[in-house]
Amino acid sequence: MTESCLPDPKTPLYNHPLPQIEQWLHKLGCHQDSQNLHLWRVERDQWKAEIWLDIEELSVLYVPAASTERDIQRTFKYSLSRQDIEDAVFSGP
């Protein structure tokens, strides 16, 4: 599936079929858990995150690189645009 198959970035995530959401997460460097297919992981220089594709929302658990910092969890409704979710999730905790 190519980039052009994704809807406009301003489209709410609930208007994306699951294969397109998976394609989008792969494009952003996320890796799907082989046992729990709704769970994705991503790692950046300053943080790591687990992303869950729940029924009504996308949930993110940030695990900071420094062990002295605590985990941060956030949820995003699928009614938000793909671009808004991408900007919020991938800017980090």
PDB file of N, CA and C in Angstrom:
ATOM      1  N   MET A   1       0.851  -1.180   0.000  1.00  0.00           N
ATOM      2  CA  MET A   1       0.000   0.000   0.000  1.00  0.00           C
ATOM      3  C   MET A   1       0.892   1.237   0.000  1.00  0.00           C
ATOM      4  N   THR A   2       0.595   2.180  -0.814  1.00  0.00           N
ATOM      5  CA  THR A   2       1.436   3.363  -0.940  1.00  0.00           C
ATOM      6  C   THR A   2       0.894   4.502  -0.097  1.00  0.00           C
ATOM      7  N   GLU A   3       1.743   5.483   0.097  1.00  0.00           N
ATOM      8  CA  GLU A   3       1.375   6.688   0.861  1.00  0.00           C
ATOM      9  C   GLU A   3       0.114   7.325   0.311  1.00  0.00           C
ATOM     10  N   SER A   4      -0.056   7.308  -1.001  1.00  0.00           N
ATOM     11  CA  SER A   4      -1.204   7.969  -1.610  1.00  0.00           C
ATOM     12  C   SER A   4      -2.533   7.302  -1.235  1.00  0.00           C
ATOM     13  N   CYS A   5      -2.496   6.082  -0.695  1.00  0.00           N
ATOM     14  CA  CYS A   5      -3.722   5.389  -0.300  1.00  0.00           C
ATOM     15  C   CYS A   5      -4.280   5.919   1.013  1.00  0.00           C
ATOM     16  N   LEU A   6      -3.505   6.659   1.756  1.00  0.00           N
ATOM     17  CA  LEU A   6      -3.987   7.218   3.016  1.00  0.00           C
ATOM     18  C   LEU A   6      -4.901   8.410   2.739  1.00  0.00           C
ATOM     19  N   PRO A   7      -5.978   8.535   3.516  1.00  0.00           N
ATOM     20  CA  PRO A   7      -6.833   9.721   3.376  1.00  0.00           C
ATOM     21  C   PRO A   7      -6.055  10.990   3.728  1.00  0.00           C
ATOM     22  N   ASP A   8      -6.655  12.116   3.456  1.00  0.00           N
ATOM     23  CA  ASP A   8      -6.069  13.400   3.814  1.00  0.00           C
ATOM     24  C   ASP A   8      -5.706  13.397   5.299  1.00  0.00           C
ATOM     25  N   PRO A   9      -4.555  13.982   5.682  1.00  0.00           N
ATOM     26  CA  PRO A   9      -4.144  13.991   7.084  1.00  0.00           C
ATOM     27  C   PRO A   9      -5.166  14.620   8.034  1.00  0.00           C
ATOM     28  N   LYS A  10      -6.051  15.462   7.507  1.00  0.00           N
ATOM     29  CA  LYS A  10      -7.054  16.107   8.361  1.00  0.00           C
ATOM     30  C   LYS A  10      -8.280  15.218   8.596  1.00  0.00           C
ATOM     31  N   THR A  11      -8.279  14.036   7.993  1.00  0.00           N
ATOM     32  CA  THR A  11      -9.394  13.095   8.146  1.00  0.00           C
ATOM     33  C   THR A  11      -9.367  12.474   9.536  1.00  0.00           C
ATOM     34  N   PRO A  12     -10.516  12.398  10.210  1.00  0.00           N
ATOM     35  CA  PRO A  12     -10.548  11.737  11.519  1.00  0.00           C
ATOM     36  C   PRO A  12     -10.048  10.294  11.407  1.00  0.00           C
ATOM     37  N   LEU A  13      -9.357   9.854  12.431  1.00  0.00           N
ATOM     38  CA  LEU A  13      -8.783   8.511  12.385  1.00  0.00           C
ATOM     39  C   LEU A  13      -9.869   7.445  12.257  1.00  0.00           C
ATOM     40  N   TYR A  14     -11.078   7.698  12.764  1.00  0.00           N
ATOM     41  CA  TYR A  14     -12.143   6.693  12.639  1.00  0.00           C
ATOM     42  C   TYR A  14     -12.584   6.483  11.199  1.00  0.00           C
ATOM     43  N   ASN A  15     -12.181   7.338  10.272  1.00  0.00           N
ATOM     44  CA  ASN A  15     -12.493   7.155   8.858  1.00  0.00           C
ATOM     45  C   ASN A  15     -11.388   6.413   8.102  1.00  0.00           C
ATOM     46  N   HIS A  16     -10.413   5.891   8.829  1.00  0.00           N
ATOM     47  CA  HIS A  16      -9.329   5.112   8.230  1.00  0.00           C
ATOM     48  C   HIS A  16      -9.584   3.629   8.483  1.00  0.00           C
ATOM     49  N   PRO A  17      -9.588   2.804   7.450  1.00  0.00           N
ATOM     50  CA  PRO A  17      -9.654   1.356   7.686  1.00  0.00           C
ATOM     51  C   PRO A  17      -8.397   0.904   8.445  1.00  0.00           C
ATOM     52  N   LEU A  18      -8.525  -0.172   9.196  1.00  0.00           N
ATOM     53  CA  LEU A  18      -7.409  -0.676  10.007  1.00  0.00           C
ATOM     54  C   LEU A  18      -6.112  -0.855   9.212  1.00  0.00           C
ATOM     55  N   PRO A  19      -6.145  -1.422   8.006  1.00  0.00           N
ATOM     56  CA  PRO A  19      -4.876  -1.552   7.258  1.00  0.00           C
ATOM     57  C   PRO A  19      -4.186  -0.207   7.012  1.00  0.00           C
ATOM     58  N   GLN A  20      -4.962   0.866   6.836  1.00  0.00           N
ATOM     59  CA  GLN A  20      -4.353   2.181   6.638  1.00  0.00           C
ATOM     60  C   GLN A  20      -3.745   2.708   7.938  1.00  0.00           C
ATOM     61  N   ILE A  21      -4.392   2.451   9.054  1.00  0.00           N
ATOM     62  CA  ILE A  21      -3.826   2.857  10.345  1.00  0.00           C
ATOM     63  C   ILE A  21      -2.522   2.103  10.585  1.00  0.00           C
ATOM     64  N   GLU A  22      -2.507   0.826  10.273  1.00  0.00           N
ATOM     65  CA  GLU A  22      -1.283   0.031  10.432  1.00  0.00           C
ATOM     66  C   GLU A  22      -0.180   0.539   9.518  1.00  0.00           C
ATOM     67  N   GLN A  23      -0.527   0.874   8.285  1.00  0.00           N
ATOM     68  CA  GLN A  23       0.453   1.426   7.343  1.00  0.00           C
ATOM     69  C   GLN A  23       1.043   2.726   7.890  1.00  0.00           C
ATOM     70  N   TRP A  24       0.179   3.573   8.417  1.00  0.00           N
ATOM     71  CA  TRP A  24       0.593   4.863   8.979  1.00  0.00           C
ATOM     72  C   TRP A  24       1.561   4.650  10.145  1.00  0.00           C
ATOM     73  N   LEU A  25       1.232   3.720  11.047  1.00  0.00           N
ATOM     74  CA  LEU A  25       2.111   3.447  12.195  1.00  0.00           C
ATOM     75  C   LEU A  25       3.459   2.895  11.733  1.00  0.00           C
ATOM     76  N   HIS A  26       3.455   2.003  10.746  1.00  0.00           N
ATOM     77  CA  HIS A  26       4.723   1.490  10.188  1.00  0.00           C
ATOM     78  C   HIS A  26       5.554   2.639   9.635  1.00  0.00           C
ATOM     79  N   LYS A  27       4.913   3.531   8.902  1.00  0.00           N
ATOM     80  CA  LYS A  27       5.600   4.673   8.288  1.00  0.00           C
ATOM     81  C   LYS A  27       6.272   5.551   9.349  1.00  0.00           C
ATOM     82  N   LEU A  28       5.663   5.619  10.522  1.00  0.00           N
ATOM     83  CA  LEU A  28       6.203   6.442  11.610  1.00  0.00           C
ATOM     84  C   LEU A  28       7.233   5.704  12.455  1.00  0.00           C
ATOM     85  N   GLY A  29       7.604   4.500  12.049  1.00  0.00           N
ATOM     86  CA  GLY A  29       8.648   3.757  12.743  1.00  0.00           C
ATOM     87  C   GLY A  29       8.157   2.882  13.879  1.00  0.00           C
ATOM     88  N   CYS A  30       6.862   2.612  13.921  1.00  0.00           N
ATOM     89  CA  CYS A  30       6.297   1.754  14.968  1.00  0.00           C
ATOM     90  C   CYS A  30       6.397   0.292  14.540  1.00  0.00           C
ATOM     91  N   HIS A  31       6.463  -0.577  15.546  1.00  0.00           N
ATOM     92  CA  HIS A  31       6.552  -2.010  15.295  1.00  0.00           C
ATOM     93  C   HIS A  31       5.418  -2.704  16.032  1.00  0.00           C
ATOM     94  N   GLN A  32       4.697  -3.539  15.302  1.00  0.00           N
ATOM     95  CA  GLN A  32       3.551  -4.238  15.864  1.00  0.00           C
ATOM     96  C   GLN A  32       4.005  -5.438  16.692  1.00  0.00           C
ATOM     97  N   ASP A  33       3.392  -5.625  17.849  1.00  0.00           N
ATOM     98  CA  ASP A  33       3.675  -6.772  18.704  1.00  0.00           C
ATOM     99  C   ASP A  33       3.110  -8.027  18.034  1.00  0.00           C
ATOM    100  N   SER A  34       3.895  -9.072  17.944  1.00  0.00           N
ATOM    101  CA  SER A  34       3.460 -10.275  17.237  1.00  0.00           C
ATOM    102  C   SER A  34       2.404 -11.066  18.007  1.00  0.00           C
ATOM    103  N   GLN A  35       2.331 -10.899  19.326  1.00  0.00           N
ATOM    104  CA  GLN A  35       1.352 -11.615  20.139  1.00  0.00           C
ATOM    105  C   GLN A  35       0.068 -10.810  20.354  1.00  0.00           C
ATOM    106  N   ASN A  36       0.205  -9.516  20.554  1.00  0.00           N
ATOM    107  CA  ASN A  36      -0.925  -8.605  20.784  1.00  0.00           C
ATOM    108  C   ASN A  36      -0.981  -7.629  19.617  1.00  0.00           C
ATOM    109  N   LEU A  37      -1.753  -7.955  18.609  1.00  0.00           N
ATOM    110  CA  LEU A  37      -1.741  -7.186  17.366  1.00  0.00           C
ATOM    111  C   LEU A  37      -2.255  -5.764  17.513  1.00  0.00           C
ATOM    112  N   HIS A  38      -2.942  -5.462  18.600  1.00  0.00           N
ATOM    113  CA  HIS A  38      -3.430  -4.092  18.844  1.00  0.00           C
ATOM    114  C   HIS A  38      -2.357  -3.224  19.508  1.00  0.00           C
ATOM    115  N   LEU A  39      -1.211  -3.831  19.856  1.00  0.00           N
ATOM    116  CA  LEU A  39      -0.125  -3.129  20.539  1.00  0.00           C
ATOM    117  C   LEU A  39       1.016  -2.836  19.573  1.00  0.00           C
ATOM    118  N   TRP A  40       1.451  -1.579  19.597  1.00  0.00           N
ATOM    119  CA  TRP A  40       2.560  -1.128  18.763  1.00  0.00           C
ATOM    120  C   TRP A  40       3.596  -0.480  19.663  1.00  0.00           C
ATOM    121  N   ARG A  41       4.857  -0.527  19.274  1.00  0.00           N
ATOM    122  CA  ARG A  41       5.931   0.104  20.041  1.00  0.00           C
ATOM    123  C   ARG A  41       6.736   1.019  19.128  1.00  0.00           C
ATOM    124  N   VAL A  42       7.214   2.096  19.725  1.00  0.00           N
ATOM    125  CA  VAL A  42       8.062   3.031  18.991  1.00  0.00           C
ATOM    126  C   VAL A  42       9.127   3.533  19.952  1.00  0.00           C
ATOM    127  N   GLU A  43      10.304   3.830  19.411  1.00  0.00           N
ATOM    128  CA  GLU A  43      11.406   4.301  20.241  1.00  0.00           C
ATOM    129  C   GLU A  43      12.046   5.525  19.590  1.00  0.00           C
ATOM    130  N   ARG A  44      12.236   6.547  20.395  1.00  0.00           N
ATOM    131  CA  ARG A  44      12.923   7.761  19.968  1.00  0.00           C
ATOM    132  C   ARG A  44      14.120   7.968  20.903  1.00  0.00           C
ATOM    133  N   ASP A  45      14.940   8.987  20.654  1.00  0.00           N
ATOM    134  CA  ASP A  45      16.127   9.226  21.472  1.00  0.00           C
ATOM    135  C   ASP A  45      15.794   9.459  22.946  1.00  0.00           C
ATOM    136  N   GLN A  46      14.764  10.242  23.225  1.00  0.00           N
ATOM    137  CA  GLN A  46      14.446  10.649  24.598  1.00  0.00           C
ATOM    138  C   GLN A  46      13.341   9.837  25.260  1.00  0.00           C
ATOM    139  N   TRP A  47      12.647   9.015  24.502  1.00  0.00           N
ATOM    140  CA  TRP A  47      11.529   8.266  25.068  1.00  0.00           C
ATOM    141  C   TRP A  47      11.186   7.049  24.228  1.00  0.00           C
ATOM    142  N   LYS A  48      10.452   6.136  24.858  1.00  0.00           N
ATOM    143  CA  LYS A  48       9.865   4.981  24.188  1.00  0.00           C
ATOM    144  C   LYS A  48       8.374   5.042  24.467  1.00  0.00           C
ATOM    145  N   ALA A  49       7.591   4.419  23.606  1.00  0.00           N
ATOM    146  CA  ALA A  49       6.143   4.417  23.839  1.00  0.00           C
ATOM    147  C   ALA A  49       5.527   3.109  23.366  1.00  0.00           C
ATOM    148  N   GLU A  50       4.460   2.753  24.063  1.00  0.00           N
ATOM    149  CA  GLU A  50       3.595   1.668  23.637  1.00  0.00           C
ATOM    150  C   GLU A  50       2.284   2.304  23.206  1.00  0.00           C
ATOM    151  N   ILE A  51       1.793   1.916  22.060  1.00  0.00           N
ATOM    152  CA  ILE A  51       0.562   2.481  21.503  1.00  0.00           C
ATOM    153  C   ILE A  51      -0.452   1.357  21.370  1.00  0.00           C
ATOM    154  N   TRP A  52      -1.619   1.555  21.965  1.00  0.00           N
ATOM    155  CA  TRP A  52      -2.698   0.570  21.889  1.00  0.00           C
ATOM    156  C   TRP A  52      -3.805   1.103  21.007  1.00  0.00           C
ATOM    157  N   LEU A  53      -4.259   0.281  20.089  1.00  0.00           N
ATOM    158  CA  LEU A  53      -5.418   0.612  19.277  1.00  0.00           C
ATOM    159  C   LEU A  53      -6.633   0.021  19.993  1.00  0.00           C
ATOM    160  N   ASP A  54      -7.224   0.810  20.868  1.00  0.00           N
ATOM    161  CA  ASP A  54      -8.389   0.369  21.625  1.00  0.00           C
ATOM    162  C   ASP A  54      -9.652   0.555  20.788  1.00  0.00           C
ATOM    163  N   ILE A  55     -10.785   0.184  21.340  1.00  0.00           N
ATOM    164  CA  ILE A  55     -12.047   0.235  20.594  1.00  0.00           C
ATOM    165  C   ILE A  55     -12.443   1.672  20.252  1.00  0.00           C
ATOM    166  N   GLU A  56     -12.348   2.587  21.215  1.00  0.00           N
ATOM    167  CA  GLU A  56     -12.818   3.954  20.993  1.00  0.00           C
ATOM    168  C   GLU A  56     -11.722   5.013  20.992  1.00  0.00           C
ATOM    169  N   GLU A  57     -10.502   4.599  21.257  1.00  0.00           N
ATOM    170  CA  GLU A  57      -9.415   5.574  21.334  1.00  0.00           C
ATOM    171  C   GLU A  57      -8.072   4.907  21.140  1.00  0.00           C
ATOM    172  N   LEU A  58      -7.098   5.731  20.865  1.00  0.00           N
ATOM    173  CA  LEU A  58      -5.715   5.305  20.771  1.00  0.00           C
ATOM    174  C   LEU A  58      -5.060   5.691  22.088  1.00  0.00           C
ATOM    175  N   SER A  59      -4.437   4.736  22.774  1.00  0.00           N
ATOM    176  CA  SER A  59      -3.796   4.999  24.063  1.00  0.00           C
ATOM    177  C   SER A  59      -2.288   4.908  23.898  1.00  0.00           C
ATOM    178  N   VAL A  60      -1.577   5.800  24.592  1.00  0.00           N
ATOM    179  CA  VAL A  60      -0.122   5.838  24.508  1.00  0.00           C
ATOM    180  C   VAL A  60       0.456   5.831  25.912  1.00  0.00           C
ATOM    181  N   LEU A  61       1.423   4.956  26.145  1.00  0.00           N
ATOM    182  CA  LEU A  61       2.163   4.930  27.401  1.00  0.00           C
ATOM    183  C   LEU A  61       3.603   5.270  27.059  1.00  0.00           C
ATOM    184  N   TYR A  62       4.049   6.450  27.523  1.00  0.00           N
ATOM    185  CA  TYR A  62       5.431   6.879  27.288  1.00  0.00           C
ATOM    186  C   TYR A  62       6.308   6.344  28.405  1.00  0.00           C
ATOM    187  N   VAL A  63       7.440   5.788  28.007  1.00  0.00           N
ATOM    188  CA  VAL A  63       8.426   5.299  28.961  1.00  0.00           C
ATOM    189  C   VAL A  63       9.692   6.128  28.719  1.00  0.00           C
ATOM    190  N   PRO A  64       9.977   7.121  29.578  1.00  0.00           N
ATOM    191  CA  PRO A  64      11.130   7.996  29.366  1.00  0.00           C
ATOM    192  C   PRO A  64      12.456   7.236  29.381  1.00  0.00           C
ATOM    193  N   ALA A  65      13.434   7.770  28.684  1.00  0.00           N
ATOM    194  CA  ALA A  65      14.755   7.157  28.624  1.00  0.00           C
ATOM    195  C   ALA A  65      15.457   7.212  29.981  1.00  0.00           C
ATOM    196  N   ALA A  66      15.235   8.278  30.733  1.00  0.00           N
ATOM    197  CA  ALA A  66      15.868   8.417  32.056  1.00  0.00           C
ATOM    198  C   ALA A  66      15.036   7.657  33.089  1.00  0.00           C
ATOM    199  N   SER A  67      15.691   6.797  33.842  1.00  0.00           N
ATOM    200  CA  SER A  67      14.970   5.957  34.800  1.00  0.00           C
ATOM    201  C   SER A  67      14.391   6.757  35.965  1.00  0.00           C
ATOM    202  N   THR A  68      14.818   7.995  36.138  1.00  0.00           N
ATOM    203  CA  THR A  68      14.301   8.814  37.232  1.00  0.00           C
ATOM    204  C   THR A  68      12.950   9.440  36.898  1.00  0.00           C
ATOM    205  N   GLU A  69      12.580   9.442  35.633  1.00  0.00           N
ATOM    206  CA  GLU A  69      11.298  10.020  35.220  1.00  0.00           C
ATOM    207  C   GLU A  69      10.223   8.937  35.260  1.00  0.00           C
ATOM    208  N   ARG A  70       8.980   9.375  35.404  1.00  0.00           N
ATOM    209  CA  ARG A  70       7.904   8.390  35.478  1.00  0.00           C
ATOM    210  C   ARG A  70       7.194   8.252  34.137  1.00  0.00           C
ATOM    211  N   ASP A  71       6.488   7.128  33.989  1.00  0.00           N
ATOM    212  CA  ASP A  71       5.721   6.876  32.775  1.00  0.00           C
ATOM    213  C   ASP A  71       4.563   7.866  32.685  1.00  0.00           C
ATOM    214  N   ILE A  72       4.165   8.164  31.462  1.00  0.00           N
ATOM    215  CA  ILE A  72       3.046   9.076  31.220  1.00  0.00           C
ATOM    216  C   ILE A  72       2.088   8.380  30.257  1.00  0.00           C
ATOM    217  N   GLN A  73       0.813   8.359  30.606  1.00  0.00           N
ATOM    218  CA  GLN A  73      -0.180   7.754  29.719  1.00  0.00           C
ATOM    219  C   GLN A  73      -1.137   8.820  29.208  1.00  0.00           C
ATOM    220  N   ARG A  74      -1.457   8.725  27.911  1.00  0.00           N
ATOM    221  CA  ARG A  74      -2.396   9.653  27.273  1.00  0.00           C
ATOM    222  C   ARG A  74      -3.331   8.862  26.372  1.00  0.00           C
ATOM    223  N   THR A  75      -4.519   9.396  26.165  1.00  0.00           N
ATOM    224  CA  THR A  75      -5.462   8.770  25.241  1.00  0.00           C
ATOM    225  C   THR A  75      -5.947   9.815  24.239  1.00  0.00           C
ATOM    226  N   PHE A  76      -6.231   9.349  23.038  1.00  0.00           N
ATOM    227  CA  PHE A  76      -6.679  10.217  21.957  1.00  0.00           C
ATOM    228  C   PHE A  76      -7.866   9.567  21.274  1.00  0.00           C
ATOM    229  N   LYS A  77      -8.978  10.266  21.199  1.00  0.00           N
ATOM    230  CA  LYS A  77     -10.175   9.761  20.543  1.00  0.00           C
ATOM    231  C   LYS A  77      -9.927   9.644  19.042  1.00  0.00           C
ATOM    232  N   TYR A  78     -10.521   8.639  18.434  1.00  0.00           N
ATOM    233  CA  TYR A  78     -10.393   8.446  16.994  1.00  0.00           C
ATOM    234  C   TYR A  78     -11.077   9.556  16.192  1.00  0.00           C
ATOM    235  N   SER A  79     -11.852  10.403  16.863  1.00  0.00           N
ATOM    236  CA  SER A  79     -12.495  11.520  16.165  1.00  0.00           C
ATOM    237  C   SER A  79     -11.492  12.630  15.827  1.00  0.00           C
ATOM    238  N   LEU A  80     -10.310  12.585  16.440  1.00  0.00           N
ATOM    239  CA  LEU A  80      -9.251  13.547  16.084  1.00  0.00           C
ATOM    240  C   LEU A  80      -8.688  13.180  14.714  1.00  0.00           C
ATOM    241  N   SER A  81      -8.152  14.171  14.032  1.00  0.00           N
ATOM    242  CA  SER A  81      -7.559  13.898  12.715  1.00  0.00           C
ATOM    243  C   SER A  81      -6.269  13.101  12.876  1.00  0.00           C
ATOM    244  N   ARG A  82      -5.909  12.391  11.812  1.00  0.00           N
ATOM    245  CA  ARG A  82      -4.654  11.635  11.821  1.00  0.00           C
ATOM    246  C   ARG A  82      -3.479  12.570  12.087  1.00  0.00           C
ATOM    247  N   GLN A  83      -3.503  13.756  11.503  1.00  0.00           N
ATOM    248  CA  GLN A  83      -2.410  14.707  11.693  1.00  0.00           C
ATOM    249  C   GLN A  83      -2.332  15.182  13.143  1.00  0.00           C
ATOM    250  N   ASP A  84      -3.483  15.476  13.757  1.00  0.00           N
ATOM    251  CA  ASP A  84      -3.480  15.917  15.156  1.00  0.00           C
ATOM    252  C   ASP A  84      -2.945  14.829  16.081  1.00  0.00           C
ATOM    253  N   ILE A  85      -3.349  13.581  15.836  1.00  0.00           N
ATOM    254  CA  ILE A  85      -2.858  12.477  16.663  1.00  0.00           C
ATOM    255  C   ILE A  85      -1.361  12.296  16.438  1.00  0.00           C
ATOM    256  N   GLU A  86      -0.944  12.345  15.198  1.00  0.00           N
ATOM    257  CA  GLU A  86       0.495  12.191  14.894  1.00  0.00           C
ATOM    258  C   GLU A  86       1.308  13.280  15.585  1.00  0.00           C
ATOM    259  N   ASP A  87       0.856  14.524  15.487  1.00  0.00           N
ATOM    260  CA  ASP A  87       1.572  15.631  16.117  1.00  0.00           C
ATOM    261  C   ASP A  87       1.644  15.461  17.641  1.00  0.00           C
ATOM    262  N   ALA A  88       0.547  15.034  18.241  1.00  0.00           N
ATOM    263  CA  ALA A  88       0.504  14.890  19.697  1.00  0.00           C
ATOM    264  C   ALA A  88       1.313  13.698  20.179  1.00  0.00           C
ATOM    265  N   VAL A  89       1.139  12.555  19.553  1.00  0.00           N
ATOM    266  CA  VAL A  89       1.802  11.337  20.010  1.00  0.00           C
ATOM    267  C   VAL A  89       3.307  11.381  19.768  1.00  0.00           C
ATOM    268  N   PHE A  90       3.696  11.792  18.585  1.00  0.00           N
ATOM    269  CA  PHE A  90       5.109  11.671  18.208  1.00  0.00           C
ATOM    270  C   PHE A  90       5.954  12.892  18.579  1.00  0.00           C
ATOM    271  N   SER A  91       5.346  13.888  19.232  1.00  0.00           N
ATOM    272  CA  SER A  91       6.155  14.964  19.804  1.00  0.00           C
ATOM    273  C   SER A  91       6.703  14.549  21.165  1.00  0.00           C
ATOM    274  N   GLY A  92       6.207  13.442  21.687  1.00  0.00           N
ATOM    275  CA  GLY A  92       6.720  12.893  22.953  1.00  0.00           C
ATOM    276  C   GLY A  92       5.901  13.322  24.137  1.00  0.00           C
ATOM    277  N   PRO A  93       6.310  12.869  25.308  1.00  0.00           N
ATOM    278  CA  PRO A  93       5.539  13.127  26.530  1.00  0.00           C
ATOM    279  C   PRO A  93       5.525  14.582  26.944  1.00  0.00           C
TER     280      PRO A  93
END
